[in-house]
N, C-alpha and C. Protein backbone atom coordinates (compact mmCIF):
# COMPACT_ATOMS: atom_id res chain seq x y z
N MET A 1 112.86 106.22 97.02
CA MET A 1 111.77 105.74 96.53
C MET A 1 110.34 106.27 97.00
N ALA A 2 109.43 106.34 96.16
CA ALA A 2 108.15 106.71 96.36
C ALA A 2 107.26 105.36 97.29
N LYS A 3 106.69 105.79 98.23
CA LYS A 3 105.63 104.97 99.10
C LYS A 3 103.73 104.52 98.68
N THR A 4 104.06 103.63 97.68
CA THR A 4 102.63 103.34 97.24
C THR A 4 101.89 102.48 98.15
N LEU A 5 100.75 102.74 98.13
CA LEU A 5 99.83 102.15 99.04
C LEU A 5 98.45 101.82 98.08
N THR A 6 97.81 100.64 98.57
CA THR A 6 96.80 99.78 98.45
C THR A 6 95.23 99.94 99.11
N GLY A 7 94.40 100.81 98.31
CA GLY A 7 93.27 100.83 99.26
C GLY A 7 92.01 101.04 98.68
N ILE A 8 90.73 101.45 99.42
CA ILE A 8 89.22 101.62 98.97
C ILE A 8 88.96 103.08 98.95
N VAL A 9 88.23 103.45 97.94
CA VAL A 9 88.02 105.29 97.66
C VAL A 9 86.54 105.18 99.24
N THR A 10 86.46 105.86 99.76
CA THR A 10 85.56 105.70 100.40
C THR A 10 84.79 107.36 100.06
N SER A 11 85.45 107.97 99.75
CA SER A 11 84.69 109.91 99.31
C SER A 11 85.33 110.15 98.22
N ASP A 12 84.54 110.81 97.53
CA ASP A 12 84.80 111.30 95.94
C ASP A 12 84.27 112.22 95.93
N VAL A 13 83.61 113.21 96.50
CA VAL A 13 82.91 114.12 96.81
C VAL A 13 83.53 115.69 96.26
N ALA A 14 84.79 116.11 96.89
CA ALA A 14 85.54 116.80 96.73
C ALA A 14 85.89 116.30 95.27
N ASN A 15 86.61 117.82 94.59
CA ASN A 15 86.92 118.21 92.78
C ASN A 15 88.39 117.88 92.96
N LYS A 16 88.59 116.68 92.69
CA LYS A 16 89.92 116.26 92.21
C LYS A 16 90.52 115.42 93.63
N THR A 17 89.81 115.19 94.13
CA THR A 17 90.26 114.59 95.42
C THR A 17 89.83 113.49 95.56
N ILE A 18 90.45 112.58 96.34
CA ILE A 18 89.55 110.94 96.76
C ILE A 18 90.14 110.91 98.21
N THR A 19 89.36 110.46 98.94
CA THR A 19 89.76 109.96 100.49
C THR A 19 89.90 108.36 100.11
N VAL A 20 91.61 107.58 100.36
CA VAL A 20 91.34 106.47 100.49
C VAL A 20 91.80 105.67 101.98
N THR A 21 90.71 104.40 102.34
CA THR A 21 91.20 103.95 103.45
C THR A 21 91.82 102.89 102.72
N VAL A 22 93.33 102.72 103.66
CA VAL A 22 94.00 101.43 103.51
C VAL A 22 93.85 100.91 104.97
N THR A 23 93.97 99.49 104.97
CA THR A 23 93.32 98.61 106.14
C THR A 23 94.97 97.75 106.15
N SER A 24 95.34 97.80 107.17
CA SER A 24 96.70 96.64 107.33
C SER A 24 96.27 95.92 108.65
N ARG A 25 96.94 94.62 108.84
CA ARG A 25 97.14 94.03 109.70
C ARG A 25 98.34 94.30 110.60
N GLU A 26 98.74 94.19 111.93
CA GLU A 26 99.14 94.57 112.54
C GLU A 26 99.63 93.43 114.00
N THR A 27 100.72 93.07 114.62
CA THR A 27 101.06 92.45 115.59
C THR A 27 101.06 93.31 116.90
N HIS A 28 100.57 92.99 117.95
CA HIS A 28 100.97 93.55 119.16
C HIS A 28 102.43 93.29 119.26
N PRO A 29 102.64 94.54 119.80
CA PRO A 29 104.48 94.02 120.20
C PRO A 29 104.34 93.34 121.36
N ILE A 30 103.81 93.60 122.44
CA ILE A 30 103.98 92.59 123.58
C ILE A 30 103.21 91.34 123.42
N TYR A 31 101.59 91.16 123.26
CA TYR A 31 100.67 89.93 123.45
C TYR A 31 100.81 89.22 122.13
N GLY A 32 101.39 89.51 121.08
CA GLY A 32 101.51 89.31 119.92
C GLY A 32 100.10 88.81 118.74
N LYS A 33 98.81 89.55 119.43
CA LYS A 33 97.62 89.21 119.00
C LYS A 33 97.76 90.16 117.87
N GLN A 34 97.04 89.62 116.73
CA GLN A 34 96.72 90.57 115.53
C GLN A 34 95.81 91.15 115.50
N TYR A 35 95.41 92.51 114.87
CA TYR A 35 94.52 93.28 114.96
C TYR A 35 94.74 94.42 113.78
N THR A 36 93.35 94.56 113.14
CA THR A 36 93.09 96.13 111.89
C THR A 36 93.50 97.21 112.28
N VAL A 37 94.37 97.66 111.32
CA VAL A 37 94.40 99.30 111.43
C VAL A 37 93.74 99.90 110.04
N SER A 38 93.27 100.94 110.26
CA SER A 38 92.78 101.50 109.28
C SER A 38 93.37 103.02 109.45
N ARG A 39 93.48 103.53 108.07
CA ARG A 39 94.45 104.64 108.05
C ARG A 39 93.88 105.64 106.82
N LYS A 40 93.59 106.76 106.72
CA LYS A 40 92.72 107.31 105.38
C LYS A 40 93.92 108.46 105.13
N TYR A 41 93.66 108.34 103.60
CA TYR A 41 94.54 109.30 103.18
C TYR A 41 93.92 110.23 101.90
N ALA A 42 94.10 111.71 101.55
CA ALA A 42 93.28 112.22 100.97
C ALA A 42 94.83 112.42 99.84
N ALA A 43 94.19 111.96 98.50
CA ALA A 43 94.92 111.66 97.26
C ALA A 43 94.57 112.77 96.00
N HIS A 44 95.35 112.94 95.31
CA HIS A 44 94.81 113.62 94.19
C HIS A 44 94.71 112.66 93.13
N ASP A 45 93.29 113.46 92.55
CA ASP A 45 92.62 112.14 91.40
C ASP A 45 92.87 113.35 90.51
N GLU A 46 93.75 113.72 89.57
CA GLU A 46 93.46 114.54 88.33
C GLU A 46 92.05 114.93 87.54
N ASN A 47 92.02 113.94 87.12
CA ASN A 47 90.59 113.20 86.41
C ASN A 47 89.40 113.31 86.42
N ASN A 48 89.25 113.00 88.43
CA ASN A 48 88.19 112.93 88.90
C ASN A 48 88.06 111.38 88.12
N ASP A 49 88.79 110.16 88.05
CA ASP A 49 88.43 108.95 87.39
C ASP A 49 88.15 107.84 88.49
N ALA A 50 88.09 108.04 90.00
CA ALA A 50 87.93 107.23 90.79
C ALA A 50 86.67 107.15 91.39
N LYS A 51 85.66 106.22 91.87
CA LYS A 51 85.00 106.42 92.03
C LYS A 51 84.79 105.52 93.62
N LYS A 52 83.23 105.83 94.17
CA LYS A 52 83.66 105.72 95.61
C LYS A 52 83.36 104.16 95.69
N GLY A 53 84.19 103.22 96.44
CA GLY A 53 83.99 101.41 96.44
C GLY A 53 84.84 101.02 95.52
N ASP A 54 85.67 102.13 94.78
CA ASP A 54 87.00 101.46 93.88
C ASP A 54 88.33 100.88 94.79
N LYS A 55 88.56 100.13 94.36
CA LYS A 55 89.99 99.68 94.54
C LYS A 55 91.09 100.24 94.01
N VAL A 56 92.41 101.43 94.51
CA VAL A 56 93.43 101.98 93.87
C VAL A 56 94.51 101.84 94.46
N THR A 57 95.53 102.25 93.68
CA THR A 57 96.91 102.59 94.19
C THR A 57 96.92 104.17 93.98
N ILE A 58 97.87 104.15 95.34
CA ILE A 58 97.84 106.05 95.90
C ILE A 58 99.39 105.69 95.64
N SER A 59 99.96 106.48 95.51
CA SER A 59 101.38 107.19 95.67
C SER A 59 102.15 108.17 96.00
N GLU A 60 103.12 108.45 96.47
CA GLU A 60 103.45 109.47 97.34
C GLU A 60 103.97 110.49 96.55
N ALA A 61 103.84 111.60 96.69
CA ALA A 61 104.03 112.97 95.72
C ALA A 61 104.34 114.17 96.58
N ARG A 62 104.93 115.22 95.67
CA ARG A 62 104.88 116.15 96.45
C ARG A 62 103.41 116.83 96.69
N PRO A 63 103.71 117.77 98.05
CA PRO A 63 102.40 117.89 98.57
C PRO A 63 101.69 118.93 97.37
N VAL A 64 100.45 118.56 97.62
CA VAL A 64 99.44 119.33 96.56
C VAL A 64 98.87 120.50 97.38
N SER A 65 98.77 120.27 98.49
CA SER A 65 97.76 120.63 99.12
C SER A 65 97.97 120.42 100.93
N LYS A 66 97.38 121.34 101.86
CA LYS A 66 97.90 120.97 103.21
C LYS A 66 97.55 119.46 103.74
N ARG A 67 96.67 118.83 103.19
CA ARG A 67 96.46 117.30 103.69
C ARG A 67 96.97 116.09 102.43
N LYS A 68 96.96 117.09 101.04
CA LYS A 68 97.31 115.97 99.98
C LYS A 68 98.81 115.63 99.98
N ALA A 69 99.19 114.88 100.08
CA ALA A 69 100.64 114.14 99.84
C ALA A 69 100.76 112.84 98.98
N PHE A 70 99.28 112.87 98.45
CA PHE A 70 99.31 111.19 97.70
C PHE A 70 98.71 111.88 96.26
N LYS A 71 99.13 110.92 95.14
CA LYS A 71 98.58 111.31 93.89
C LYS A 71 98.12 109.65 93.55
N LEU A 72 96.67 109.77 92.70
CA LEU A 72 95.89 108.24 92.30
C LEU A 72 97.17 107.76 91.46
N VAL A 73 97.26 106.74 91.00
CA VAL A 73 98.24 105.53 90.05
C VAL A 73 97.55 105.12 89.10
N THR A 74 96.85 104.11 89.81
CA THR A 74 95.46 103.51 88.89
C THR A 74 94.94 102.82 89.55
N ILE A 75 93.37 102.47 89.11
CA ILE A 75 92.08 102.11 89.66
C ILE A 75 92.52 100.53 89.47
N ILE A 76 92.64 99.61 90.41
CA ILE A 76 92.68 98.65 90.22
C ILE A 76 91.46 98.01 90.20
N GLU A 77 90.30 97.97 90.64
CA GLU A 77 89.31 97.36 90.30
C GLU A 77 88.07 98.36 90.46
N LYS A 78 87.25 98.47 89.68
CA LYS A 78 86.34 99.42 89.94
C LYS A 78 85.23 98.83 90.59
N SER A 79 84.20 99.41 91.50
CA SER A 79 83.14 98.83 92.31
C SER A 79 82.29 98.51 91.42
N ARG A 80 81.35 97.55 91.80
CA ARG A 80 80.40 96.97 91.52
C ARG A 80 78.70 97.88 91.31
N GLY A 81 79.19 98.38 92.36
CA GLY A 81 77.72 99.56 92.48
C GLY A 81 76.95 99.16 94.03
N SER A 82 76.46 100.18 94.74
CA SER A 82 75.98 99.75 96.27
C SER A 82 75.00 99.21 96.35
N ILE A 83 74.51 98.38 97.25
CA ILE A 83 73.16 97.24 97.41
C ILE A 83 72.40 98.07 98.29
N GLU A 84 71.31 98.62 97.55
CA GLU A 84 70.07 98.74 97.82
C GLU A 84 69.00 98.11 98.43
N LEU A 85 68.30 98.64 99.85
CA LEU A 85 67.17 97.40 100.46
C LEU A 85 65.78 98.11 99.87
N LYS A 86 65.22 97.30 99.57
CA LYS A 86 63.61 97.55 99.04
C LYS A 86 62.86 97.72 100.46
N GLU A 87 62.16 98.92 100.52
CA GLU A 87 61.34 98.62 101.37
C GLU A 87 60.04 98.10 101.12
N GLU A 88 59.73 97.35 102.24
CA GLU A 88 58.38 96.64 102.46
C GLU A 88 57.19 97.31 102.18
N THR A 89 56.36 96.70 101.95
CA THR A 89 55.15 97.24 101.04
C THR A 89 53.98 96.29 102.23
N VAL A 90 52.96 97.05 102.84
CA VAL A 90 51.74 95.56 103.42
C VAL A 90 50.74 96.01 102.23
């Protein structure tokens, strides 16, 4: 069965490629403390649908290139746009 992951698109600059950051909580084997682990995956996006900030599901596929072994399955939630701070005028 193919592995599926859910994460946030951190880059959509390359053509037909997105970078997805998947964060997970892991427990230390000895101390029992939980910590956050972030992993980045390059995924194939055939139609350039996903944009930066979107929440997506990616699935394992046959290798498309040296770094890409995942493909975009669905876009769960579109990003609501970035927040830009206005410069103060005196």
